[in-house]
């Protein structure tokens, strides 16, 4: 025969016990929730401190970069000033004849059996000048064919135009027979600094 439990406590006492049990359960749940919230807060606080630390490091790097940029700005301005001065010099020297380049060109075309004894150049003045200028060159060779080769070679120089001989004459240098010559050319616009490509160009 099954046993039967008989509650001899008053009903209100049992009711109060159930209320205390429910209150205890709610309190435990509240404490657990508070613990969870505290844990979340701690985690978020750690993450926030880490983000603040990285932000401060990035701000320090940005400040360093800004300082470096500010220090380099002066060099940028100096570079711009240098470029402007170079452009000004190039503009002022555009109509200049660089005789060093002209002489270098002559040295590249002179035949091996010819040597120069005289070189003079002049720039034509005035706006009405028909040519840029002229160059007179005197020299010596061993034969008239050397002088002819010299005249032909002058045509290869870009800065020269209309080469011609004004003299080609036999002479004696001790026991050696030589030919003295005088030649002239007109300067073309290729002789101007603005049009020159340097002494080592193909001629």
Protein backbone atom coordinates (compact mmCIF):
# COMPACT_ATOMS: atom_id res chain seq x y z
CA UNK A 1 0.00 0.00 0.00
CA UNK A 2 1.48 3.39 -1.09
CA UNK A 3 2.48 5.85 1.58
CA UNK A 4 0.91 9.23 1.58
CA UNK A 5 2.58 12.40 2.81
CA UNK A 6 0.48 14.56 5.01
CA UNK A 7 1.50 18.25 5.44
CA UNK A 8 0.63 19.30 8.93
CA UNK A 9 2.04 22.87 8.50
CA UNK A 10 -0.37 25.72 8.19
CA UNK A 11 -1.01 26.76 4.57
CA UNK A 12 0.27 30.32 5.03
CA UNK A 13 3.60 29.04 6.34
CA UNK A 14 4.09 26.87 3.27
CA UNK A 15 3.18 29.86 1.09
CA UNK A 16 5.81 32.02 2.77
CA UNK A 17 8.40 29.27 2.27
CA UNK A 18 7.66 29.15 -1.45
CA UNK A 19 7.97 32.93 -1.63
CA UNK A 20 11.38 32.79 0.09
CA UNK A 21 12.52 30.05 -2.33
CA UNK A 22 11.39 32.11 -5.30
CA UNK A 23 13.09 35.20 -3.85
CA UNK A 24 16.30 33.24 -3.31
CA UNK A 25 16.20 31.98 -6.89
CA UNK A 26 15.60 35.51 -8.20
CA UNK A 27 18.45 36.84 -6.03
CA UNK A 28 20.81 34.13 -7.31
CA UNK A 29 19.80 34.93 -10.88
CA UNK A 30 20.36 38.62 -10.20
CA UNK A 31 23.80 37.95 -8.77
CA UNK A 32 24.68 35.81 -11.80
CA UNK A 33 23.51 38.60 -14.10
CA UNK A 34 25.54 41.15 -12.17
CA UNK A 35 28.60 38.88 -12.44
CA UNK A 36 28.09 38.53 -16.18
CA UNK A 37 27.69 42.28 -16.59
CA UNK A 38 30.80 42.89 -14.49
CA UNK A 39 32.76 40.45 -16.65
CA UNK A 40 31.53 42.15 -19.85
CA UNK A 41 32.47 45.53 -18.38
CA UNK A 42 35.98 44.36 -17.52
CA UNK A 43 36.47 42.91 -21.02
CA UNK A 44 35.21 46.08 -22.67
CA UNK A 45 37.37 48.23 -20.41
CA UNK A 46 40.46 46.21 -21.37
CA UNK A 47 39.59 46.54 -25.05
CA UNK A 48 38.97 50.27 -24.65
CA UNK A 49 42.33 50.76 -22.96
CA UNK A 50 44.00 48.84 -25.77
CA UNK A 51 42.27 51.00 -28.39
CA UNK A 52 43.28 54.16 -26.51
CA UNK A 53 46.87 52.95 -26.35
CA UNK A 54 46.90 52.25 -30.11
CA UNK A 55 45.29 55.62 -30.75
CA UNK A 56 47.97 57.38 -28.71
CA UNK A 57 50.70 55.49 -30.59
CA UNK A 58 49.14 56.46 -33.92
CA UNK A 59 48.87 60.08 -32.82
CA UNK A 60 52.55 60.01 -31.85
CA UNK A 61 53.47 58.58 -35.27
CA UNK A 62 51.30 61.19 -36.99
CA UNK A 63 53.00 63.94 -35.02
CA UNK A 64 56.42 62.57 -35.98
CA UNK A 65 55.46 62.37 -39.65
CA UNK A 66 54.02 65.88 -39.56
CA UNK A 67 57.25 67.15 -38.03
CA UNK A 68 59.31 65.42 -40.73
CA UNK A 69 57.08 66.84 -43.47
CA UNK A 70 57.44 70.32 -41.98
CA UNK A 71 61.23 69.94 -41.90
CA UNK A 72 61.29 68.77 -45.54
CA UNK A 73 58.99 71.54 -46.77
CA UNK A 74 61.92 73.95 -46.69
CA UNK A 75 63.86 71.72 -49.10
CA UNK A 76 60.84 71.54 -51.40
CA UNK A 77 60.65 75.33 -51.50
CA UNK A 78 64.41 75.54 -52.16
CA UNK A 79 64.01 73.03 -54.98
CA UNK A 80 61.25 75.14 -56.53
CA UNK A 81 63.42 78.25 -56.27
CA UNK A 82 66.29 76.37 -57.92
CA UNK A 83 64.02 75.23 -60.76
CA UNK A 84 62.81 78.80 -61.31
CA UNK A 85 66.39 80.10 -61.40
CA UNK A 86 67.45 77.36 -63.82
CA UNK A 87 64.53 78.24 -66.10
CA UNK A 88 65.50 81.93 -65.90
CA UNK A 89 69.14 81.17 -66.75
CA UNK A 90 68.08 78.95 -69.65
CA UNK A 91 65.81 81.70 -70.98
CA UNK A 92 68.59 84.29 -70.71
CA UNK A 93 71.15 81.98 -72.32
CA UNK A 94 68.89 80.62 -75.07
CA UNK A 95 70.46 82.95 -77.67
CA UNK A 96 74.01 82.31 -76.45
CA UNK A 97 76.60 80.51 -78.58
CA UNK A 98 78.69 78.08 -76.57
CA UNK A 99 82.05 78.28 -78.31
CA UNK A 100 83.35 75.34 -76.30
CA UNK A 101 80.77 73.12 -78.01
CA UNK A 102 81.64 74.58 -81.42
CA UNK A 103 85.34 73.89 -80.83
CA UNK A 104 84.54 70.36 -79.69
CA UNK A 105 82.60 69.77 -82.91
CA UNK A 106 85.54 71.05 -84.96
CA UNK A 107 87.91 68.71 -83.10
CA UNK A 108 85.71 65.76 -84.09
CA UNK A 109 85.85 66.46 -87.83
CA UNK A 110 89.39 67.75 -88.38
CA UNK A 111 91.38 65.34 -90.63
CA UNK A 112 94.49 63.69 -89.15
CA UNK A 113 96.84 65.49 -91.62
CA UNK A 114 95.44 68.97 -90.91
CA UNK A 115 96.05 71.23 -87.93
CA UNK A 116 94.58 74.62 -87.14
CA UNK A 117 96.68 77.67 -86.46
CA UNK A 118 93.92 80.25 -86.17
CA UNK A 119 90.28 80.26 -85.00
CA UNK A 120 88.07 83.30 -84.53
CA UNK A 121 84.32 83.65 -84.32
CA UNK A 122 81.96 86.59 -84.22
CA UNK A 123 78.26 87.01 -83.59
CA UNK A 124 76.40 89.27 -85.99
CA UNK A 125 74.86 92.22 -84.14
CA UNK A 126 71.60 94.00 -84.78
CA UNK A 127 68.14 92.84 -85.73
CA UNK A 128 68.86 93.30 -89.45
CA UNK A 129 71.70 90.75 -89.52
CA UNK A 130 71.19 88.13 -92.23
CA UNK A 131 73.27 85.47 -90.46
CA UNK A 132 73.85 84.46 -86.88
CA UNK A 133 77.58 85.05 -87.23
CA UNK A 134 80.70 83.62 -88.81
CA UNK A 135 83.86 81.69 -87.97
CA UNK A 136 87.27 82.11 -89.64
CA UNK A 137 89.75 79.25 -89.37
CA UNK A 138 93.27 79.05 -90.69
CA UNK A 139 95.48 76.01 -90.75
CA UNK A 140 98.02 73.83 -92.45
CA UNK A 141 97.99 70.50 -94.27
CA UNK A 142 100.44 68.45 -96.30
CA UNK A 143 98.53 68.58 -99.59
CA UNK A 144 95.61 70.32 -101.28
CA UNK A 145 93.60 67.11 -100.96
CA UNK A 146 93.92 67.44 -97.16
CA UNK A 147 92.46 70.93 -97.40
CA UNK A 148 89.62 69.62 -99.60
CA UNK A 149 88.90 66.92 -96.99
CA UNK A 150 88.85 69.60 -94.30
CA UNK A 151 86.32 71.66 -96.25
CA UNK A 152 84.13 68.59 -96.77
CA UNK A 153 84.28 67.70 -93.08
CA UNK A 154 83.09 71.20 -92.10
CA UNK A 155 79.77 70.47 -93.80
CA UNK A 156 79.09 67.77 -91.19
CA UNK A 157 79.00 70.24 -88.31
CA UNK A 158 75.39 71.18 -87.58
CA UNK A 159 76.35 74.64 -86.35
CA UNK A 160 78.12 75.50 -89.64
CA UNK A 161 76.66 76.57 -92.98
CA UNK A 162 78.20 77.51 -96.35
CA UNK A 163 81.87 76.57 -95.70
CA UNK A 164 84.34 78.00 -98.25
CA UNK A 165 88.05 78.52 -98.79
CA UNK A 166 89.59 81.95 -99.19
CA UNK A 167 93.16 80.63 -99.50
CA UNK A 168 94.94 77.35 -100.23
CA UNK A 169 98.61 77.95 -100.95
CA UNK A 170 101.80 75.88 -101.07
CA UNK A 171 104.63 76.77 -98.70
CA UNK A 172 107.80 75.31 -97.26
CA UNK A 173 108.31 74.46 -93.61
CA UNK A 174 112.01 73.73 -93.48
CA UNK A 175 112.47 70.75 -95.79
CA UNK A 176 108.75 69.85 -95.73
CA UNK A 177 106.23 71.02 -98.34
CA UNK A 178 102.97 72.14 -96.76
CA UNK A 179 99.73 73.88 -97.74
CA UNK A 180 98.47 76.87 -95.78
CA UNK A 181 94.76 77.58 -95.98
CA UNK A 182 92.14 79.99 -94.74
CA UNK A 183 88.49 78.91 -94.46
CA UNK A 184 85.28 80.48 -93.25
CA UNK A 185 81.80 79.31 -92.34
CA UNK A 186 78.56 80.95 -91.35
CA UNK A 187 76.92 80.04 -88.07
CA UNK A 188 73.52 78.38 -88.31
CA UNK A 189 70.85 78.50 -85.62
CA UNK A 190 72.12 75.10 -84.44
CA UNK A 191 74.98 77.01 -82.83
CA UNK A 192 72.59 78.58 -80.33
CA UNK A 193 72.64 77.15 -76.82
CA UNK A 194 68.92 76.42 -77.01
CA UNK A 195 69.48 74.17 -80.04
CA UNK A 196 72.75 72.52 -79.07
CA UNK A 197 72.66 68.93 -77.93
CA UNK A 198 76.22 68.91 -76.64
CA UNK A 199 79.64 68.24 -78.08
CA UNK A 200 79.23 64.46 -78.45
CA UNK A 201 76.51 64.40 -81.09
CA UNK A 202 76.56 62.55 -84.39
CA UNK A 203 78.15 64.66 -87.12
